Amino acid sequence: MILSRAKPASSEGAERSTSEKRIPKLEEFLEKRDYTGALTLLEFNRTSESNLNSELWLGYSCCYFYLGMYPESQKMLEDAPDSKLRNRLLFHLAHKMGNEAKLTEYNHMLQDIIEDQLSLASIHYLRAHYQEAIDVYKKILLENRDSDSDDLSSFDEFIMSDRSVDISMIRKLMDTREYFALNVYVALCYYKLDYYDVAQEVLQVYLQKYTDSAIAINLKACNHFRMYNGTAAQNEMKQLIEKMSNSFSFSHDLIRHNTVVFKGGEGALQILPNLVDVIPEARLNLVIYYLKQDDVREAFELIKDLEPAVPQEYILKGIVNAVMGQETNSRDNIKTAQQYFQLVGSSASECDTIPGRQCMASSSFLYRQFEEVLMYLNSIKTYFSNEDNFNFNYAQAQAAAGYFKEAEEAFLTIRNEKYKNDYIYVSLLAHCYIMNKKPQLAWNLYLRMDTSTESFNLLQLIANDCYKVGEFWYAAKAFDMLERMDPSPENWEGKRGACCGTFQYIVAERQPKELLPEVIQLLKNTSNSQVEQIIRVMRKWGKDSRINC
């Protein structure tokens, strides 16, 4: 995999090259991925020759392409003679420049030869059609297998299967093929399909022969990041950094980018902005960094003009629009988020994947279709049982659907203090406690809060929810606090009803008799003409029941 830029590279390569006494050959520059140096040599050759031959035209076009200078590459190809290489370059340029019509046109011009089929596979990869890319590689392996290969029937079975993940078979087959670099290509595809263990096995075959491959080592680090953690990934990346020399300079940006990811975003603002137009994932990871910092507007500004092309881009743009819409009460942003989630979740390639089901759950969540949300989340719950992000959304959906016991359990699995201090978490957990006949725990949540608008809102929630489900004592305590803050008729009426309800429970022996003095004390906190009459009735019953009140 060679970095394909969206902006020109620096002239560092050319400066380094011209300092040498011997003028290198074009092939030497290309082997080092020093396309600026290659362009310099081509310029020199152009001034020393009267006419550019076809190889020089194509040489120019290739160098411009790999430097991300696509219009310049396109212009050069207009004057280049027809050839298979020209068609392949135009095919890739059509993808890079988003010209679907031309992409289809040049796709039809591809022939059943190795170079054209590899170009087709790479476009499949770039367009996130990873299984299609694997199928192309399988076909190439089948057509170019060794005539004396052992176990050909097993190989045919592997080739013809829709998706084989028999690790031992893959390692054996990839190790006996002539096209050894396909190990890396296939590993990249399996990595993108979330088969990290398979990707690692296939990749290991290649690394045993090419121990210093920058792309292979980087992919191995990425596998370790997905399978283990960032520390394991950094340990793998160390050997690449230690081996870096001029021959590895082309991968320097990739290493810097991935190191930021492996370190959980450390150094993101110093490194990622300069890579936004160099590595496609840099923009996405910078957006993710801003989201984690709660800087929604920066995230939105960075992604608003991005035209999504692959599922990850649709998903991230959907997330940013959803958060932006909730923060600004923008129905347009919410609608955009729903559309992006729906597109990914309902697509044939993603509908049965974990991200696809997450997208369908998110779309249904925004539509407030919580039974559907739970259907999708339950299908992937085993993969995320210990993740706070998942459990927070899962608990909210359970509560909204009326499954309060399950919601309470999900809320209590969350460990992140950021979530636990969020008012949505506190208020929904309090609601679940009340609906699960645990009003004392909801009251304790209120007592732990500092005085604020949110604590006032929680008090209102406890008062009204407890009253609705007949938890009158805690409703009375909550309405009493509300009345002290706001002596409105509504709060008095709520307090009066809750106190009378508590008294009824005491008479019916559903509450202890010893609670009656506390109920009377709450009523005394109100200067209302009805208070004395209510207290008189309660005291008379208490006297008859031998309660000192």
Protein backbone atom coordinates (compact mmCIF):
# COMPACT_ATOMS: atom_id res chain seq x y z
CA MET A 1 0.00 0.00 0.00
CA ILE A 2 1.47 3.37 -1.05
CA LEU A 3 0.24 6.61 0.35
CA SER A 4 -1.90 8.40 -2.20
CA ARG A 5 -2.08 12.02 -1.26
CA ALA A 6 -4.73 14.64 -1.78
CA LYS A 7 -2.18 17.46 -1.75
CA PRO A 8 1.35 17.76 -3.17
CA ALA A 9 4.25 16.48 -1.12
CA SER A 10 7.20 18.65 -0.17
CA SER A 11 10.32 18.97 -2.34
CA GLU A 12 12.40 17.25 0.31
CA GLY A 13 12.95 14.20 -1.91
CA ALA A 14 14.19 16.26 -4.83
CA GLU A 15 16.62 18.22 -2.67
CA ARG A 16 18.05 15.05 -1.25
CA SER A 17 18.37 13.47 -4.68
CA THR A 18 20.13 16.36 -6.39
CA SER A 19 22.79 16.42 -3.69
CA GLU A 20 24.11 13.07 -4.89
CA LYS A 21 26.93 13.05 -7.43
CA ARG A 22 25.49 10.25 -9.56
CA ILE A 23 22.12 10.90 -11.13
CA PRO A 24 19.90 8.02 -10.04
CA LYS A 25 17.77 6.12 -12.48
CA LEU A 26 14.02 6.66 -12.59
CA GLU A 27 13.46 3.14 -11.23
CA GLU A 28 15.54 3.95 -8.14
CA PHE A 29 13.36 6.93 -7.31
CA LEU A 30 10.21 4.86 -7.79
CA GLU A 31 11.49 2.04 -5.60
CA LYS A 32 12.05 4.59 -2.80
CA ARG A 33 8.60 6.14 -3.41
CA ASP A 34 10.47 9.40 -4.01
CA TYR A 35 8.05 10.78 -6.59
CA THR A 36 9.27 14.36 -6.23
CA GLY A 37 12.76 13.17 -7.13
CA ALA A 38 11.32 11.17 -10.02
CA LEU A 39 9.58 14.29 -11.33
CA THR A 40 12.83 16.22 -11.10
CA LEU A 41 14.59 13.56 -13.19
CA LEU A 42 11.75 13.58 -15.73
CA GLU A 43 11.98 17.36 -16.00
CA PHE A 44 15.71 17.02 -16.64
CA ASN A 45 15.08 14.42 -19.33
CA ARG A 46 12.42 16.59 -20.94
CA THR A 47 14.86 19.47 -21.39
CA SER A 48 17.44 17.17 -22.91
CA GLU A 49 15.08 15.47 -25.39
CA SER A 50 13.16 17.09 -28.21
CA ASN A 51 10.07 14.93 -27.76
CA LEU A 52 8.58 13.11 -24.84
CA ASN A 53 8.13 9.44 -25.54
CA SER A 54 5.19 7.46 -24.21
CA GLU A 55 7.11 6.13 -21.20
CA LEU A 56 7.91 9.65 -20.04
CA TRP A 57 4.28 10.73 -20.39
CA LEU A 58 3.21 7.83 -18.24
CA GLY A 59 6.10 8.42 -15.85
CA TYR A 60 4.91 11.97 -15.31
CA SER A 61 1.33 10.81 -14.81
CA CYS A 62 2.31 8.15 -12.26
CA CYS A 63 4.40 10.57 -10.21
CA TYR A 64 1.69 13.22 -10.21
CA PHE A 65 -0.85 10.58 -9.19
CA TYR A 66 1.15 9.32 -6.22
CA LEU A 67 1.75 12.90 -5.07
CA GLY A 68 -1.99 13.50 -5.03
CA MET A 69 -1.75 15.98 -7.92
CA TYR A 70 -4.68 14.43 -9.78
CA PRO A 71 -5.55 17.26 -12.22
CA GLU A 72 -1.91 17.39 -13.32
CA SER A 73 -1.89 13.62 -13.79
CA GLN A 74 -5.11 13.80 -15.79
CA LYS A 75 -3.66 16.52 -18.05
CA MET A 76 -0.55 14.47 -18.78
CA LEU A 77 -2.61 11.42 -19.67
CA GLU A 78 -4.59 13.39 -22.25
CA ASP A 79 -1.45 13.55 -24.40
CA ALA A 80 -0.22 10.05 -23.65
CA PRO A 81 -0.82 7.30 -26.24
CA ASP A 82 -3.34 4.58 -25.53
CA SER A 83 -2.07 1.70 -23.46
CA LYS A 84 -3.19 -0.65 -20.72
CA LEU A 85 -1.25 1.36 -18.11
CA ARG A 86 -2.94 4.57 -19.28
CA ASN A 87 -6.35 2.93 -18.88
CA ARG A 88 -5.50 1.78 -15.38
CA LEU A 89 -4.31 5.24 -14.37
CA LEU A 90 -7.47 6.81 -15.77
CA PHE A 91 -9.50 4.20 -13.87
CA HIS A 92 -7.87 5.21 -10.58
CA LEU A 93 -8.12 8.92 -11.37
CA ALA A 94 -11.85 8.54 -11.99
CA HIS A 95 -12.19 7.11 -8.47
CA LYS A 96 -9.99 9.77 -6.88
CA MET A 97 -11.89 12.59 -8.61
CA GLY A 98 -15.32 11.09 -7.91
CA ASN A 99 -16.30 10.67 -11.56
CA GLU A 100 -18.65 7.68 -11.47
CA ALA A 101 -19.39 7.73 -15.19
CA LYS A 102 -15.71 7.58 -16.12
CA LEU A 103 -15.10 4.97 -13.42
CA THR A 104 -17.68 2.71 -15.05
CA GLU A 105 -16.29 3.44 -18.51
CA TYR A 106 -12.73 2.49 -17.64
CA ASN A 107 -13.90 -0.46 -15.57
CA HIS A 108 -15.39 -1.94 -18.76
CA MET A 109 -12.06 -1.44 -20.51
CA LEU A 110 -10.17 -3.59 -17.99
CA GLN A 111 -9.01 -6.93 -19.31
CA ASP A 112 -8.54 -10.31 -17.70
CA ILE A 113 -4.84 -9.77 -17.06
CA ILE A 114 -3.03 -9.62 -13.73
CA GLU A 115 -2.34 -5.87 -13.73
CA ASP A 116 -5.91 -4.92 -14.63
CA GLN A 117 -7.41 -7.33 -12.11
CA LEU A 118 -5.17 -6.01 -9.34
CA SER A 119 -6.30 -2.48 -10.22
CA LEU A 120 -9.90 -3.64 -10.00
CA ALA A 121 -9.25 -5.21 -6.60
CA SER A 122 -7.63 -2.02 -5.31
CA ILE A 123 -10.64 0.07 -6.35
CA HIS A 124 -12.91 -2.44 -4.62
CA TYR A 125 -10.79 -1.95 -1.50
CA LEU A 126 -10.85 1.84 -1.72
CA ARG A 127 -14.63 1.76 -2.08
CA ALA A 128 -14.97 -0.51 0.98
CA HIS A 129 -16.00 -3.53 -1.12
CA TYR A 130 -13.60 -5.74 0.78
CA GLN A 131 -15.17 -9.10 0.06
CA GLU A 132 -15.21 -8.30 -3.66
CA ALA A 133 -11.49 -7.47 -3.45
CA ILE A 134 -10.80 -10.78 -1.72
CA ASP A 135 -12.72 -12.58 -4.46
CA VAL A 136 -10.46 -11.01 -7.10
CA TYR A 137 -7.35 -12.07 -5.19
CA LYS A 138 -8.73 -15.59 -4.80
CA LYS A 139 -9.31 -15.75 -8.55
CA ILE A 140 -5.75 -14.62 -9.26
CA LEU A 141 -4.39 -17.23 -6.88
CA LEU A 142 -6.50 -19.94 -8.50
CA GLU A 143 -5.35 -19.07 -12.00
CA ASN A 144 -1.67 -18.83 -11.01
CA ARG A 145 -1.31 -21.68 -8.59
CA ASP A 146 1.64 -24.07 -8.77
CA SER A 147 0.94 -27.05 -10.97
CA ASP A 148 2.43 -29.42 -8.39
CA SER A 149 0.64 -27.85 -5.43
CA ASP A 150 -0.49 -30.25 -2.73
CA ASP A 151 -4.12 -30.55 -1.81
CA LEU A 152 -5.57 -28.77 -4.86
CA SER A 153 -9.10 -29.76 -3.94
CA SER A 154 -8.77 -27.89 -0.65
CA PHE A 155 -7.46 -24.86 -2.50
CA ASP A 156 -10.40 -24.95 -4.92
CA GLU A 157 -12.76 -25.12 -1.96
CA PHE A 158 -11.05 -22.08 -0.44
CA ILE A 159 -11.23 -20.16 -3.73
CA MET A 160 -14.87 -20.90 -4.42
CA SER A 161 -16.15 -20.25 -0.89
CA ASP A 162 -17.94 -16.97 -0.27
CA ARG A 163 -15.92 -16.18 2.81
CA SER A 164 -13.38 -18.65 4.17
CA VAL A 165 -11.71 -17.94 7.47
CA ASP A 166 -9.89 -21.26 7.85
CA ILE A 167 -6.67 -19.75 9.17
CA SER A 168 -4.43 -22.79 8.71
CA MET A 169 -5.63 -23.28 5.13
CA ILE A 170 -5.13 -19.62 4.29
CA ARG A 171 -1.57 -19.61 5.63
CA LYS A 172 -0.65 -22.72 3.66
CA LEU A 173 -2.14 -21.50 0.42
CA MET A 174 -0.78 -17.98 0.60
CA ASP A 175 2.67 -19.34 1.36
CA THR A 176 2.77 -21.46 -1.81
CA ARG A 177 1.59 -18.86 -4.30
CA GLU A 178 3.82 -16.95 -6.70
CA TYR A 179 2.19 -13.59 -5.96
CA PHE A 180 3.55 -13.23 -2.48
CA ALA A 181 2.50 -9.60 -1.96
CA LEU A 182 -1.13 -10.70 -2.09
CA ASN A 183 -0.66 -11.73 1.53
CA VAL A 184 -0.63 -8.07 2.50
CA TYR A 185 -3.57 -7.17 0.26
CA VAL A 186 -5.71 -10.02 1.55
CA ALA A 187 -4.69 -9.20 5.14
CA LEU A 188 -5.77 -5.59 4.64
CA CYS A 189 -9.17 -6.75 3.42
CA TYR A 190 -9.67 -9.11 6.35
CA TYR A 191 -8.61 -6.32 8.69
CA LYS A 192 -11.27 -4.06 7.22
CA LEU A 193 -13.82 -6.87 7.64
CA ASP A 194 -12.92 -7.04 11.37
CA TYR A 195 -11.30 -10.49 11.02
CA TYR A 196 -8.21 -9.33 12.85
CA ASP A 197 -6.98 -12.80 13.78
CA VAL A 198 -7.23 -13.95 10.15
CA ALA A 199 -5.52 -10.78 8.93
CA GLN A 200 -2.71 -11.38 11.38
CA GLU A 201 -2.17 -14.96 10.27
CA VAL A 202 -2.09 -14.05 6.58
CA LEU A 203 0.21 -11.12 7.27
CA GLN A 204 2.64 -13.24 9.27
CA VAL A 205 3.42 -15.30 6.16
CA TYR A 206 4.61 -12.14 4.43
CA LEU A 207 6.51 -10.78 7.45
CA GLN A 208 8.52 -14.00 7.76
CA LYS A 209 10.04 -13.21 4.37
CA TYR A 210 10.02 -9.40 4.46
CA THR A 211 10.72 -8.51 8.06
CA ASP A 212 11.24 -4.79 7.42
CA SER A 213 8.10 -4.06 5.39
CA ALA A 214 6.72 -0.75 6.63
CA ILE A 215 3.16 -1.43 5.51
CA ALA A 216 3.15 -4.96 6.91
CA ILE A 217 4.56 -3.89 10.28
CA ASN A 218 2.09 -1.03 10.45
CA LEU A 219 -0.81 -3.38 9.69
CA LYS A 220 0.43 -5.80 12.35
CA ALA A 221 0.41 -2.92 14.85
CA CYS A 222 -3.14 -2.04 13.80
CA ASN A 223 -4.20 -5.66 14.34
CA HIS A 224 -2.71 -5.60 17.83
CA PHE A 225 -4.51 -2.34 18.53
CA ARG A 226 -7.85 -3.95 17.61
CA MET A 227 -7.21 -7.28 19.31
CA TYR A 228 -5.44 -6.01 22.43
CA ASN A 229 -4.80 -2.33 23.15
CA GLY A 230 -2.82 0.75 22.22
CA THR A 231 0.21 -0.29 24.24
CA ALA A 232 0.55 -3.55 22.32
CA ALA A 233 0.24 -1.63 19.06
CA GLN A 234 2.94 0.86 20.09
CA ASN A 235 5.30 -1.99 20.94
CA GLU A 236 4.89 -3.35 17.41
CA MET A 237 5.37 0.11 15.90
CA LYS A 238 8.65 0.65 17.79
CA GLN A 239 10.56 -1.72 15.54
CA LEU A 240 9.37 0.21 12.50
CA ILE A 241 10.41 3.55 13.96
CA GLU A 242 13.81 2.14 14.90
CA LYS A 243 14.37 0.83 11.36
CA MET A 244 13.24 4.01 9.66
CA SER A 245 15.69 5.31 7.09
CA ASN A 246 15.37 7.00 3.73
CA SER A 247 13.76 3.87 2.36
CA PHE A 248 10.96 4.25 4.91
CA SER A 249 10.41 7.98 4.52
CA PHE A 250 7.24 7.50 2.48
CA SER A 251 5.56 5.88 5.51
CA HIS A 252 6.57 8.57 8.00
CA ASP A 253 3.18 10.30 7.88
CA LEU A 254 1.36 7.01 8.32
CA ILE A 255 3.43 6.14 11.39
CA ARG A 256 2.86 9.55 12.98
CA HIS A 257 -0.88 9.30 12.34
CA ASN A 258 -1.28 5.81 13.75
CA THR A 259 0.85 6.58 16.78
CA VAL A 260 -1.65 9.29 17.72
CA VAL A 261 -4.46 6.76 17.45
CA PHE A 262 -2.59 4.13 19.47
CA LYS A 263 -2.00 6.71 22.21
CA GLY A 264 -5.68 7.49 22.49
CA GLY A 265 -5.47 10.87 20.78
CA GLU A 266 -2.34 12.18 22.50
CA GLY A 267 -0.74 14.80 20.27
CA ALA A 268 -3.75 14.91 17.95
CA LEU A 269 -3.80 18.69 17.56
CA GLN A 270 -0.07 18.79 16.83
CA ILE A 271 -0.05 16.05 14.19
CA LEU A 272 -3.45 15.34 12.65
CA PRO A 273 -4.33 18.80 11.19
CA ASN A 274 -1.31 18.66 8.86
CA LEU A 275 -2.29 15.17 7.71
CA VAL A 276 -5.95 15.86 6.95
CA ASP A 277 -5.30 16.06 3.21
CA VAL A 278 -2.61 13.38 3.20
CA ILE A 279 -4.15 10.41 5.02
CA PRO A 280 -7.94 10.04 4.64
CA GLU A 281 -8.35 8.69 8.17
CA ALA A 282 -6.65 11.76 9.65
CA ARG A 283 -9.72 13.93 9.14
CA LEU A 284 -11.97 11.28 10.65
CA ASN A 285 -9.71 10.75 13.67
CA LEU A 286 -9.46 14.49 14.25
CA VAL A 287 -13.26 14.67 14.21
CA ILE A 288 -13.36 11.83 16.76
CA TYR A 289 -10.85 13.71 18.91
CA TYR A 290 -13.02 16.82 18.90
CA LEU A 291 -16.10 14.76 19.81
CA LYS A 292 -14.27 13.22 22.77
CA GLN A 293 -13.34 16.72 23.89
CA ASP A 294 -17.01 17.77 23.60
CA ASP A 295 -16.00 20.29 20.95
CA VAL A 296 -18.97 19.49 18.72
CA ARG A 297 -18.76 22.64 16.61
CA GLU A 298 -15.14 22.02 15.62
CA ALA A 299 -16.04 18.46 14.71
CA PHE A 300 -18.97 19.69 12.65
CA GLU A 301 -16.91 22.31 10.81
CA LEU A 302 -14.29 19.71 9.93
CA ILE A 303 -16.74 17.18 8.52
CA LYS A 304 -19.62 19.25 7.15
CA ASP A 305 -18.19 19.49 3.62
CA LEU A 306 -17.02 15.88 3.48
CA GLU A 307 -18.97 13.85 0.95
CA PRO A 308 -19.14 10.36 2.52
CA ALA A 309 -17.89 7.56 0.31
CA VAL A 310 -17.38 4.63 2.70
CA PRO A 311 -19.43 3.37 5.69
CA GLN A 312 -17.05 4.85 8.29
CA GLU A 313 -17.51 8.32 6.82
CA TYR A 314 -21.30 7.99 6.70
CA ILE A 315 -21.34 6.76 10.30
CA LEU A 316 -19.10 9.50 11.66
CA LYS A 317 -20.97 12.22 9.79
CA GLY A 318 -24.20 10.78 11.16
CA ILE A 319 -22.84 10.87 14.72
CA VAL A 320 -21.66 14.48 14.40
CA ASN A 321 -25.02 15.58 13.00
CA ALA A 322 -26.88 13.71 15.74
CA VAL A 323 -24.83 15.34 18.51
CA MET A 324 -25.05 18.74 16.84
CA GLY A 325 -28.80 18.38 16.43
CA GLN A 326 -29.31 17.45 20.07
CA GLU A 327 -27.10 20.29 21.25
CA THR A 328 -28.74 22.98 19.10
CA ASN A 329 -32.25 21.48 18.85
CA SER A 330 -31.82 21.39 15.09
CA ARG A 331 -34.33 19.11 13.43
CA ASP A 332 -32.38 19.34 10.17
CA ASN A 333 -29.24 17.89 11.76
CA ILE A 334 -31.24 15.10 13.37
CA LYS A 335 -32.88 14.28 10.05
CA THR A 336 -29.49 14.19 8.31
CA ALA A 337 -28.15 11.86 10.99
CA GLN A 338 -31.14 9.54 10.57
CA GLN A 339 -30.59 9.38 6.82
CA TYR A 340 -26.88 8.54 7.13
CA PHE A 341 -27.52 5.83 9.73
CA GLN A 342 -30.33 4.37 7.65
CA LEU A 343 -28.17 4.29 4.51
CA VAL A 344 -25.42 2.31 6.22
CA GLY A 345 -27.65 0.03 8.28
CA SER A 346 -29.87 -0.97 5.37
CA SER A 347 -27.08 -1.45 2.82
CA ALA A 348 -26.45 -4.98 1.59
CA SER A 349 -22.79 -4.87 2.59
CA GLU A 350 -23.36 -3.60 6.14
CA CYS A 351 -26.80 -4.82 7.25
CA ASP A 352 -25.40 -7.94 8.94
CA THR A 353 -22.29 -6.31 10.40
CA ILE A 354 -21.94 -4.92 13.90
CA PRO A 355 -21.56 -1.30 12.67
CA GLY A 356 -24.57 -1.81 10.42
CA ARG A 357 -26.76 -2.92 13.31
CA GLN A 358 -25.46 -0.09 15.46
CA CYS A 359 -26.51 2.29 12.70
CA MET A 360 -30.02 0.82 12.52
CA ALA A 361 -30.27 1.11 16.31
CA SER A 362 -29.15 4.76 16.14
CA SER A 363 -31.63 5.56 13.38
CA SER A 364 -34.47 3.93 15.32
CA PHE A 365 -33.37 5.74 18.48
CA LEU A 366 -33.66 9.10 16.77
CA TYR A 367 -37.11 8.08 15.50
CA ARG A 368 -37.97 7.05 19.09
CA GLN A 369 -38.74 3.49 17.97
CA PHE A 370 -37.24 1.90 21.05
CA GLU A 371 -38.47 -1.65 20.57
CA GLU A 372 -36.54 -1.72 17.28
CA VAL A 373 -33.54 -0.17 18.99
CA LEU A 374 -33.50 -3.03 21.48
CA MET A 375 -33.91 -5.61 18.74
CA TYR A 376 -30.69 -4.43 17.08
CA LEU A 377 -28.75 -3.81 20.29
CA ASN A 378 -29.67 -7.21 21.74
CA SER A 379 -28.25 -8.87 18.62
CA ILE A 380 -24.78 -7.42 19.31
CA LYS A 381 -24.89 -7.06 23.09
CA THR A 382 -22.39 -9.85 23.75
CA TYR A 383 -19.69 -7.88 21.93
CA PHE A 384 -20.12 -4.78 24.10
CA SER A 385 -21.18 -6.03 27.53
CA ASN A 386 -18.35 -4.17 29.26
CA GLU A 387 -18.42 -0.95 27.22
CA ASP A 388 -19.94 2.10 28.90
CA ASN A 389 -20.93 3.75 25.61
CA PHE A 390 -23.03 0.76 24.63
CA ASN A 391 -24.55 0.24 28.07
CA PHE A 392 -25.54 3.91 28.35
CA ASN A 393 -27.47 3.76 25.08
CA TYR A 394 -28.85 0.31 25.89
CA ALA A 395 -30.10 1.47 29.30
CA GLN A 396 -31.78 4.53 27.80
CA ALA A 397 -33.57 2.38 25.22
CA GLN A 398 -34.70 -0.11 27.89
CA ALA A 399 -36.06 2.72 30.05
CA ALA A 400 -37.84 4.36 27.12
CA ALA A 401 -39.42 1.01 26.18
CA GLY A 402 -40.63 0.46 29.73
CA TYR A 403 -38.21 -2.31 30.74
CA PHE A 404 -37.13 -0.64 33.97
CA LYS A 405 -35.50 -3.64 35.67
CA GLU A 406 -33.23 -4.25 32.66
CA ALA A 407 -32.56 -0.52 32.35
CA GLU A 408 -31.53 -0.25 35.99
CA GLU A 409 -29.14 -3.18 35.61
CA ALA A 410 -27.58 -1.63 32.51
CA PHE A 411 -27.17 1.79 34.16
CA LEU A 412 -25.43 0.23 37.16
CA THR A 413 -22.82 -1.49 34.97
CA ILE A 414 -21.51 1.90 33.82
CA ARG A 415 -18.21 2.89 35.44
CA ASN A 416 -17.28 6.10 33.66
CA GLU A 417 -17.81 9.04 36.04
CA LYS A 418 -18.54 11.32 33.11
CA TYR A 419 -21.67 9.32 32.36
CA LYS A 420 -22.60 8.86 36.01
CA ASN A 421 -22.54 12.61 36.58
CA ASP A 422 -24.61 13.32 33.49
CA TYR A 423 -28.14 14.50 34.29
CA ILE A 424 -29.62 12.11 31.73
CA TYR A 425 -28.00 9.20 33.58
CA VAL A 426 -29.08 10.43 37.03
CA SER A 427 -32.64 11.28 36.06
CA LEU A 428 -33.27 8.05 34.15
CA LEU A 429 -31.74 5.93 36.90
CA ALA A 430 -33.94 7.73 39.44
CA HIS A 431 -36.97 7.05 37.22
CA CYS A 432 -36.03 3.35 37.03
CA TYR A 433 -35.58 3.14 40.81
CA ILE A 434 -39.04 4.58 41.34
CA MET A 435 -40.67 2.32 38.77
CA ASN A 436 -38.89 -0.65 40.39
CA LYS A 437 -40.29 0.26 43.84
CA LYS A 438 -36.99 1.65 45.16
CA PRO A 439 -37.87 5.33 45.81
CA GLN A 440 -35.32 5.59 48.64
CA LEU A 441 -32.49 5.09 46.12
CA ALA A 442 -33.93 7.80 43.87
CA TRP A 443 -34.13 10.14 46.87
CA ASN A 444 -30.50 9.37 47.72
CA LEU A 445 -29.51 10.45 44.19
CA TYR A 446 -31.11 13.83 44.84
CA LEU A 447 -29.42 14.21 48.23
CA ARG A 448 -26.00 13.71 46.64
CA MET A 449 -26.53 16.52 44.13
CA ASP A 450 -25.46 20.12 44.62
CA THR A 451 -28.13 22.77 44.47
CA SER A 452 -28.72 23.59 40.83
CA THR A 453 -31.31 23.69 38.09
CA GLU A 454 -30.68 20.00 37.50
CA SER A 455 -31.28 19.11 41.16
CA PHE A 456 -34.55 21.08 41.04
CA ASN A 457 -35.59 19.18 37.92
CA LEU A 458 -34.71 15.86 39.55
CA LEU A 459 -36.82 16.81 42.58
CA GLN A 460 -39.77 17.46 40.31
CA LEU A 461 -39.24 14.11 38.61
CA ILE A 462 -39.13 12.26 41.94
CA ALA A 463 -42.22 14.09 43.23
CA ASN A 464 -44.36 13.38 40.19
CA ASP A 465 -43.11 9.86 39.44
CA CYS A 466 -43.52 8.74 43.05
CA TYR A 467 -47.02 10.21 43.17
CA LYS A 468 -48.01 8.41 39.94
CA VAL A 469 -46.91 4.98 41.18
CA GLY A 470 -48.26 5.42 44.73
CA GLU A 471 -44.93 5.96 46.49
CA PHE A 472 -46.61 8.75 48.45
CA TRP A 473 -44.10 9.22 51.29
CA TYR A 474 -41.20 10.13 48.97
CA ALA A 475 -43.58 12.14 46.82
CA ALA A 476 -44.54 14.09 49.95
CA LYS A 477 -40.87 14.69 50.87
CA ALA A 478 -40.11 15.87 47.33
CA PHE A 479 -43.17 18.15 47.10
CA ASP A 480 -42.29 19.57 50.52
CA MET A 481 -38.84 20.55 49.24
CA LEU A 482 -40.36 21.98 46.07
CA GLU A 483 -42.86 24.02 48.02
CA ARG A 484 -40.11 25.56 50.12
CA MET A 485 -38.37 26.66 46.93
CA ASP A 486 -41.55 27.60 45.11
CA PRO A 487 -44.70 27.96 47.30
CA SER A 488 -47.04 27.63 44.36
CA PRO A 489 -50.58 26.12 44.53
CA GLU A 490 -49.41 23.22 42.35
CA ASN A 491 -46.68 22.21 44.80
CA TRP A 492 -49.03 22.52 47.77
CA GLU A 493 -51.65 20.40 46.09
CA GLY A 494 -49.08 17.75 45.27
CA LYS A 495 -47.79 17.78 48.83
CA ARG A 496 -51.32 17.63 50.28
CA GLY A 497 -52.28 14.68 48.10
CA ALA A 498 -49.04 12.83 48.85
CA CYS A 499 -49.39 13.37 52.63
CA CYS A 500 -52.99 12.17 52.57
CA GLY A 501 -51.95 9.16 50.49
CA THR A 502 -49.21 8.34 53.01
CA PHE A 503 -51.75 8.62 55.84
CA GLN A 504 -54.04 6.17 54.03
CA TYR A 505 -51.18 3.70 53.73
CA ILE A 506 -50.45 4.06 57.46
CA VAL A 507 -54.11 3.34 58.26
CA ALA A 508 -54.03 0.35 55.92
CA GLU A 509 -50.78 -0.82 57.58
CA ARG A 510 -48.85 -0.49 54.32
CA GLN A 511 -46.58 2.05 56.02
CA PRO A 512 -45.37 2.02 59.67
CA LYS A 513 -47.41 4.01 62.22
CA GLU A 514 -44.23 5.73 63.41
CA LEU A 515 -44.19 7.69 60.14
CA LEU A 516 -47.28 9.70 61.08
CA PRO A 517 -45.45 12.39 63.15
CA GLU A 518 -43.14 13.06 60.20
CA VAL A 519 -46.11 13.45 57.84
CA ILE A 520 -47.69 15.94 60.24
CA GLN A 521 -44.40 17.86 60.47
CA LEU A 522 -44.28 18.18 56.68
CA LEU A 523 -47.79 19.63 56.70
CA LYS A 524 -46.81 22.14 59.37
CA ASN A 525 -44.27 23.58 56.95
CA THR A 526 -47.18 25.03 54.93
CA SER A 527 -49.22 28.08 55.92
CA ASN A 528 -52.49 27.07 54.30
CA SER A 529 -56.01 27.14 55.74
CA GLN A 530 -56.50 23.47 54.90
CA VAL A 531 -53.53 22.31 56.96
CA GLU A 532 -55.13 22.45 60.41
CA GLN A 533 -58.14 20.42 59.41
CA ILE A 534 -55.96 17.69 57.81
CA ILE A 535 -53.65 17.56 60.84
CA ARG A 536 -56.65 17.38 63.21
CA VAL A 537 -57.96 14.25 61.42
CA MET A 538 -54.54 12.62 61.49
CA ARG A 539 -53.96 13.36 65.17
CA LYS A 540 -57.35 11.98 66.15
CA TRP A 541 -56.54 8.71 64.39
CA GLY A 542 -53.08 8.72 65.94
CA LYS A 543 -54.52 9.23 69.43
CA ASP A 544 -56.93 6.35 68.94
CA SER A 545 -54.01 4.23 67.73
CA ARG A 546 -51.81 5.31 70.68
CA ILE A 547 -49.33 7.20 68.57
CA ASN A 548 -47.74 10.31 70.08
CA CYS A 549 -48.05 12.94 67.35
